[in-house]
C-alpha atoms as a PDB file:
ATOM      1  CA  GLN A   1      -0.055   0.009  -0.009  1.00  0.00           C
ATOM      2  CA  VAL A   2       1.290   3.308  -1.006  1.00  0.00           C
ATOM      3  CA  GLN A   3       1.888   5.855   1.845  1.00  0.00           C
ATOM      4  CA  LEU A   4       3.013   9.433   1.897  1.00  0.00           C
ATOM      5  CA  VAL A   5       5.846  10.038   4.231  1.00  0.00           C
ATOM      6  CA  GLU A   6       6.388  13.621   5.518  1.00  0.00           C
ATOM      7  CA  SER A   7       9.357  15.054   7.338  1.00  0.00           C
ATOM      8  CA  GLY A   8      10.760  18.389   8.423  1.00  0.00           C
ATOM      9  CA  GLY A   9       8.237  19.497  11.010  1.00  0.00           C
ATOM     10  CA  GLY A  10       9.364  20.815  14.454  1.00  0.00           C
ATOM     11  CA  LEU A  11       9.857  23.882  16.625  1.00  0.00           C
ATOM     12  CA  VAL A  12      10.895  27.013  14.836  1.00  0.00           C
ATOM     13  CA  HIS A  13      11.517  30.618  16.219  1.00  0.00           C
ATOM     14  CA  PRO A  14       9.506  33.263  14.885  1.00  0.00           C
ATOM     15  CA  GLY A  15      11.150  34.744  11.714  1.00  0.00           C
ATOM     16  CA  GLY A  16      12.713  31.461  11.066  1.00  0.00           C
ATOM     17  CA  SER A  17      12.396  28.961   8.209  1.00  0.00           C
ATOM     18  CA  LEU A  18      11.720  25.433   7.618  1.00  0.00           C
ATOM     19  CA  ARG A  19      11.476  22.908   4.872  1.00  0.00           C
ATOM     20  CA  LEU A  20       8.816  20.265   4.745  1.00  0.00           C
ATOM     21  CA  SER A  21       9.348  17.238   2.577  1.00  0.00           C
ATOM     22  CA  CYS A  22       6.932  14.421   1.442  1.00  0.00           C
ATOM     23  CA  ALA A  23       7.585  11.290  -0.503  1.00  0.00           C
ATOM     24  CA  ALA A  24       5.450   8.591  -1.755  1.00  0.00           C
ATOM     25  CA  SER A  25       6.587   5.176  -0.408  1.00  0.00           C
ATOM     26  CA  ARG A  26       6.476   3.666  -3.901  1.00  0.00           C
ATOM     27  CA  SER A  27       5.394   5.146  -7.135  1.00  0.00           C
ATOM     28  CA  VAL A  28       4.293   3.930 -10.546  1.00  0.00           C
ATOM     29  CA  TYR A  29       2.568   6.812 -12.010  1.00  0.00           C
ATOM     30  CA  ARG A  30       3.277  10.532 -11.502  1.00  0.00           C
ATOM     31  CA  ALA A  31       0.601  12.346  -9.411  1.00  0.00           C
ATOM     32  CA  LYS A  32      -1.402  14.918 -11.241  1.00  0.00           C
ATOM     33  CA  ALA A  33      -0.917  17.281  -8.229  1.00  0.00           C
ATOM     34  CA  MET A  34       0.743  17.366  -4.837  1.00  0.00           C
ATOM     35  CA  ALA A  35      -0.109  19.831  -2.116  1.00  0.00           C
ATOM     36  CA  TRP A  36       0.433  20.815   1.547  1.00  0.00           C
ATOM     37  CA  TYR A  37      -2.430  21.492   3.723  1.00  0.00           C
ATOM     38  CA  ARG A  38      -2.436  22.630   7.464  1.00  0.00           C
ATOM     39  CA  GLN A  39      -4.887  22.230  10.135  1.00  0.00           C
ATOM     40  CA  PHE A  40      -5.481  24.516  13.198  1.00  0.00           C
ATOM     41  CA  PRO A  41      -6.867  22.927  16.305  1.00  0.00           C
ATOM     42  CA  GLY A  42     -10.676  22.652  15.833  1.00  0.00           C
ATOM     43  CA  LYS A  43     -10.574  23.937  12.267  1.00  0.00           C
ATOM     44  CA  GLN A  44     -10.937  22.380   8.898  1.00  0.00           C
ATOM     45  CA  ARG A  45      -7.782  21.366   6.810  1.00  0.00           C
ATOM     46  CA  ASP A  46      -6.886  24.283   4.606  1.00  0.00           C
ATOM     47  CA  LEU A  47      -4.755  24.417   1.419  1.00  0.00           C
ATOM     48  CA  VAL A  48      -1.164  25.916   1.822  1.00  0.00           C
ATOM     49  CA  ALA A  49       0.250  25.429  -1.562  1.00  0.00           C
ATOM     50  CA  SER A  50      -0.038  22.956  -4.424  1.00  0.00           C
ATOM     51  CA  ILE A  51       1.994  22.101  -7.383  1.00  0.00           C
ATOM     52  CA  THR A  52       0.747  20.212 -10.503  1.00  0.00           C
ATOM     53  CA  SER A  53       2.697  17.866 -12.650  1.00  0.00           C
ATOM     54  CA  ASP A  54       3.137  20.626 -15.128  1.00  0.00           C
ATOM     55  CA  GLY A  55       4.671  22.710 -12.438  1.00  0.00           C
ATOM     56  CA  ALA A  56       1.862  25.231 -11.903  1.00  0.00           C
ATOM     57  CA  THR A  57       1.821  26.340  -8.318  1.00  0.00           C
ATOM     58  CA  ASN A  58      -0.868  27.769  -6.000  1.00  0.00           C
ATOM     59  CA  TYR A  59      -0.628  29.400  -2.688  1.00  0.00           C
ATOM     60  CA  ALA A  60      -2.883  30.500   0.136  1.00  0.00           C
ATOM     61  CA  ASP A  61      -2.915  34.218   0.571  1.00  0.00           C
ATOM     62  CA  SER A  62      -1.588  33.844   4.058  1.00  0.00           C
ATOM     63  CA  VAL A  63       1.723  32.102   2.866  1.00  0.00           C
ATOM     64  CA  ARG A  64       2.120  33.750  -0.605  1.00  0.00           C
ATOM     65  CA  GLY A  65       5.432  35.509  -0.945  1.00  0.00           C
ATOM     66  CA  ARG A  66       7.128  33.755   1.829  1.00  0.00           C
ATOM     67  CA  SER A  67       6.579  30.101   0.866  1.00  0.00           C
ATOM     68  CA  ALA A  68       7.716  27.965  -2.019  1.00  0.00           C
ATOM     69  CA  ILE A  69       6.499  24.728  -3.149  1.00  0.00           C
ATOM     70  CA  SER A  70       8.592  22.473  -5.491  1.00  0.00           C
ATOM     71  CA  SER A  71       8.676  19.008  -6.914  1.00  0.00           C
ATOM     72  CA  GLY A  72      11.599  16.767  -5.734  1.00  0.00           C
ATOM     73  CA  ASP A  73      13.874  14.998  -8.039  1.00  0.00           C
ATOM     74  CA  ALA A  74      12.366  11.607  -7.355  1.00  0.00           C
ATOM     75  CA  LEU A  75       8.940  10.790  -8.572  1.00  0.00           C
ATOM     76  CA  ASN A  76       5.990  12.013  -6.365  1.00  0.00           C
ATOM     77  CA  THR A  77       7.992  14.016  -4.016  1.00  0.00           C
ATOM     78  CA  VAL A  78       7.244  17.469  -2.813  1.00  0.00           C
ATOM     79  CA  HIS A  79       8.860  20.114  -0.629  1.00  0.00           C
ATOM     80  CA  LEU A  80       7.514  23.153   1.050  1.00  0.00           C
ATOM     81  CA  GLU A  81       9.810  25.974   2.163  1.00  0.00           C
ATOM     82  CA  MET A  82       8.435  28.524   4.384  1.00  0.00           C
ATOM     83  CA  ASN A  83      10.252  31.777   5.583  1.00  0.00           C
ATOM     84  CA  SER A  84       9.398  34.502   7.961  1.00  0.00           C
ATOM     85  CA  LEU A  85       7.339  32.072  10.127  1.00  0.00           C
ATOM     86  CA  LYS A  86       4.867  33.443  12.454  1.00  0.00           C
ATOM     87  CA  PRO A  87       3.212  31.864  15.509  1.00  0.00           C
ATOM     88  CA  GLU A  88       0.029  31.829  13.638  1.00  0.00           C
ATOM     89  CA  ASP A  89       1.789  29.296  11.278  1.00  0.00           C
ATOM     90  CA  THR A  90       1.579  26.813  14.037  1.00  0.00           C
ATOM     91  CA  ALA A  91      -0.388  23.888  12.905  1.00  0.00           C
ATOM     92  CA  VAL A  92      -0.326  20.224  11.766  1.00  0.00           C
ATOM     93  CA  TYR A  93       0.831  20.122   8.039  1.00  0.00           C
ATOM     94  CA  TYR A  94      -0.409  17.365   5.832  1.00  0.00           C
ATOM     95  CA  CYS A  95       0.895  16.302   2.518  1.00  0.00           C
ATOM     96  CA  TYR A  96      -1.584  15.257  -0.236  1.00  0.00           C
ATOM     97  CA  ALA A  97      -1.284  13.646  -3.463  1.00  0.00           C
ATOM     98  CA  ASP A  98      -3.746  13.241  -6.133  1.00  0.00           C
ATOM     99  CA  TRP A  99      -3.683  10.670  -8.933  1.00  0.00           C
ATOM    100  CA  GLY A 100      -7.030  11.330 -10.243  1.00  0.00           C
ATOM    101  CA  VAL A 101      -8.495   8.040  -9.718  1.00  0.00           C
ATOM    102  CA  TYR A 102      -7.427   8.019  -5.969  1.00  0.00           C
ATOM    103  CA  ASN A 103      -5.696  10.332  -3.601  1.00  0.00           C
ATOM    104  CA  LEU A 104      -3.795  10.073  -0.498  1.00  0.00           C
ATOM    105  CA  TRP A 105      -3.017  12.051   2.685  1.00  0.00           C
ATOM    106  CA  GLY A 106       0.114  11.982   4.808  1.00  0.00           C
ATOM    107  CA  GLN A 107       0.022  11.336   8.488  1.00  0.00           C
ATOM    108  CA  GLY A 108       0.641  14.919   9.384  1.00  0.00           C
ATOM    109  CA  THR A 109       3.716  16.739  10.782  1.00  0.00           C
ATOM    110  CA  GLN A 110       3.572  19.281  13.578  1.00  0.00           C
ATOM    111  CA  VAL A 111       4.971  22.743  12.938  1.00  0.00           C
ATOM    112  CA  THR A 112       5.341  24.867  16.149  1.00  0.00           C
ATOM    113  CA  VAL A 113       6.452  28.525  15.780  1.00  0.00           C
ATOM    114  CA  SER A 114       7.326  29.824  19.164  1.00  0.00           C
ATOM    115  CA  SER A 115       9.990  31.674  20.932  1.00  0.00           C
END
């Protein structure tokens, strides 16, 4: 069974940066799109950034200009770099991959921005 494995979360000071990575445990076909979502306590999961197989990207207004999503060298890998982090970026971040006929979520990785 294919899984999305996330890494890179943790504690970051305000103003700092981090890089989240996600990789499918095994891949045969390229995903049509991959994305990062985040979920605040008691809230729904919201899109942070996405990238299609053609390289088109989309960002939430709250992170645009200080974040960059990119595809990794390996098939079905994606990275999210976030800069100028704020306490309000504290959330659980989830990787998502869409193959069209099915999709997958990662298990989530906690990002905490605090001094």
